[in-house]
Protein backbone atom coordinates (compact mmCIF):
# COMPACT_ATOMS: atom_id res chain seq x y z
CA UNK A 1 7.89 11.45 53.40
CA UNK A 2 10.48 9.82 51.02
CA UNK A 3 8.47 6.74 50.75
CA UNK A 4 5.62 8.70 49.56
CA UNK A 5 7.56 10.52 46.91
CA UNK A 6 8.96 7.05 45.79
CA UNK A 7 5.36 5.67 45.63
CA UNK A 8 4.06 8.61 43.65
CA UNK A 9 7.01 8.52 41.22
CA UNK A 10 6.85 4.79 40.67
CA UNK A 11 2.98 5.15 40.08
CA UNK A 12 3.33 7.96 37.70
CA UNK A 13 6.13 6.15 35.78
CA UNK A 14 4.27 2.97 35.58
CA UNK A 15 1.16 4.86 34.25
CA UNK A 16 3.25 6.76 31.79
CA UNK A 17 4.68 3.61 30.38
CA UNK A 18 1.26 1.90 30.11
CA UNK A 19 0.02 4.99 28.20
CA UNK A 20 2.81 5.11 25.78
CA UNK A 21 2.77 1.36 25.06
CA UNK A 22 -1.11 1.47 24.78
CA UNK A 23 -0.82 4.41 22.23
CA UNK A 24 1.82 2.71 20.23
CA UNK A 25 -0.04 -0.56 20.01
CA UNK A 26 -3.32 1.08 19.10
CA UNK A 27 -1.39 3.13 16.46
CA UNK A 28 0.06 -0.16 15.06
CA UNK A 29 -3.29 -1.80 14.90
CA UNK A 30 -4.79 1.20 13.13
CA UNK A 31 -2.03 1.43 10.52
CA UNK A 32 -2.53 -2.27 9.80
CA UNK A 33 -6.22 -1.92 9.57
CA UNK A 34 -5.90 0.93 7.09
CA UNK A 35 -3.25 -0.93 4.96
CA UNK A 36 -5.71 -4.04 4.83
CA UNK A 37 -8.58 -1.79 4.05
CA UNK A 38 -7.06 0.86 1.73
CA UNK A 39 -3.88 -0.63 0.38
CA UNK A 40 -3.28 -1.97 -3.00
CA UNK A 41 -4.87 0.78 -5.14
CA UNK A 42 -3.25 1.87 -8.36
CA UNK A 43 -3.82 4.77 -10.84
CA UNK A 44 -3.58 3.42 -14.39
CA UNK A 45 -3.53 6.17 -17.11
CA UNK A 46 -3.90 5.05 -20.66
CA UNK A 47 -4.31 6.60 -24.19
CA UNK A 48 -6.15 3.78 -25.93
CA UNK A 49 -3.94 0.90 -25.74
CA UNK A 50 -0.75 2.60 -24.79
CA UNK A 51 -0.11 2.73 -20.98
CA UNK A 52 1.12 6.09 -19.85
CA UNK A 53 1.17 5.66 -15.95
CA UNK A 54 0.72 2.73 -13.62
CA UNK A 55 1.30 4.14 -10.09
CA UNK A 56 0.67 2.73 -6.60
CA UNK A 57 -1.34 4.82 -4.19
CA UNK A 58 -0.40 4.78 -0.68
CA UNK A 59 -3.06 3.37 1.78
CA UNK A 60 -3.17 6.88 3.42
CA UNK A 61 -3.82 8.80 0.14
CA UNK A 62 -6.35 6.05 -0.94
CA UNK A 63 -8.21 6.64 2.30
CA UNK A 64 -8.29 10.35 1.79
CA UNK A 65 -9.43 10.37 -1.77
CA UNK A 66 -11.99 7.67 -1.41
CA UNK A 67 -13.61 9.58 1.51
CA UNK A 68 -14.09 12.81 -0.58
CA UNK A 69 -14.75 13.17 -4.13
CA UNK A 70 -13.25 16.57 -4.40
CA UNK A 71 -9.92 15.21 -3.27
CA UNK A 72 -10.24 12.21 -5.72
CA UNK A 73 -10.67 14.64 -8.65
CA UNK A 74 -7.57 16.90 -7.59
CA UNK A 75 -5.43 14.01 -7.02
CA UNK A 76 -6.27 12.31 -10.39
CA UNK A 77 -5.87 15.51 -12.33
CA UNK A 78 -2.53 16.08 -10.83
CA UNK A 79 -1.40 12.60 -12.06
CA UNK A 80 -2.89 13.24 -15.58
CA UNK A 81 -1.70 16.74 -15.93
CA UNK A 82 1.75 16.05 -17.65
CA UNK A 83 -0.04 13.99 -20.28
CA UNK A 84 -3.40 15.84 -21.05
CA UNK A 85 -5.66 18.64 -20.23
CA UNK A 86 -8.98 17.33 -18.98
CA UNK A 87 -11.85 19.03 -20.38
CA UNK A 88 -14.63 17.76 -18.18
CA UNK A 89 -15.31 17.22 -14.46
CA UNK A 90 -13.44 13.95 -14.03
CA UNK A 91 -15.62 12.45 -11.08
CA UNK A 92 -19.05 13.13 -12.53
CA UNK A 93 -18.80 13.67 -16.33
CA UNK A 94 -15.65 11.56 -16.61
CA UNK A 95 -17.42 8.48 -15.21
CA UNK A 96 -20.39 8.80 -17.69
CA UNK A 97 -18.14 9.33 -20.56
CA UNK A 98 -15.86 6.41 -19.70
CA UNK A 99 -12.81 8.58 -19.03
CA UNK A 100 -12.67 7.38 -15.42
CA UNK A 101 -13.41 3.92 -14.17
CA UNK A 102 -13.24 3.10 -10.60
CA UNK A 103 -12.79 -0.61 -9.92
CA UNK A 104 -13.17 -1.19 -6.10
CA UNK A 105 -12.74 -4.81 -6.48
CA UNK A 106 -9.45 -4.66 -8.27
CA UNK A 107 -8.71 -1.52 -6.47
CA UNK A 108 -7.97 0.47 -9.64
CA UNK A 109 -8.51 4.07 -10.85
CA UNK A 110 -8.41 3.68 -14.63
CA UNK A 111 -8.30 6.92 -16.92
CA UNK A 112 -8.54 6.46 -20.68
CA UNK A 113 -7.37 9.80 -22.36
CA UNK A 114 -9.00 8.73 -25.57
CA UNK A 115 -12.37 9.28 -23.88
CA UNK A 116 -11.36 13.01 -22.98
CA UNK A 117 -13.94 15.23 -24.79
CA UNK A 118 -12.53 17.54 -27.62
CA UNK A 119 -12.21 21.17 -26.86
CA UNK A 120 -15.45 23.12 -27.49
CA UNK A 121 -14.71 25.56 -30.48
CA UNK A 122 -17.31 27.93 -29.16
CA UNK A 123 -15.54 28.33 -25.88
CA UNK A 124 -13.04 31.17 -26.00
CA UNK A 125 -9.58 30.47 -24.69
CA UNK A 126 -8.76 32.51 -21.63
CA UNK A 127 -5.43 33.34 -20.38
CA UNK A 128 -4.54 34.90 -17.13
CA UNK A 129 -1.61 37.44 -16.88
CA UNK A 130 -0.31 38.45 -13.66
């Protein structure tokens, strides 16, 4: 009976070690793959010729925002918010206006605040009080 318990214990322990090592190895390979594929992205915010922000984007965040345009819009607006209020949809209208340029080859999100449209005088200012 004792030999059976030892056999089961050794087998389970061996399988557990194989599974843990396999998961760690797969996780390592996946992280390296993501770093190779999505690493090196930068956000550059300029106001004409003046550079305001030049920030590195992590591979995890780049993978997230490149996969979903809504996430890209929120992410970039968060970076721009201390410097300007964007008056258009950054991903759709911003690309057409030249406000946002996404350079996949050089891995850059470039935002030029001089291309930000002026506020429409017809549009009333709204304020929310809580």
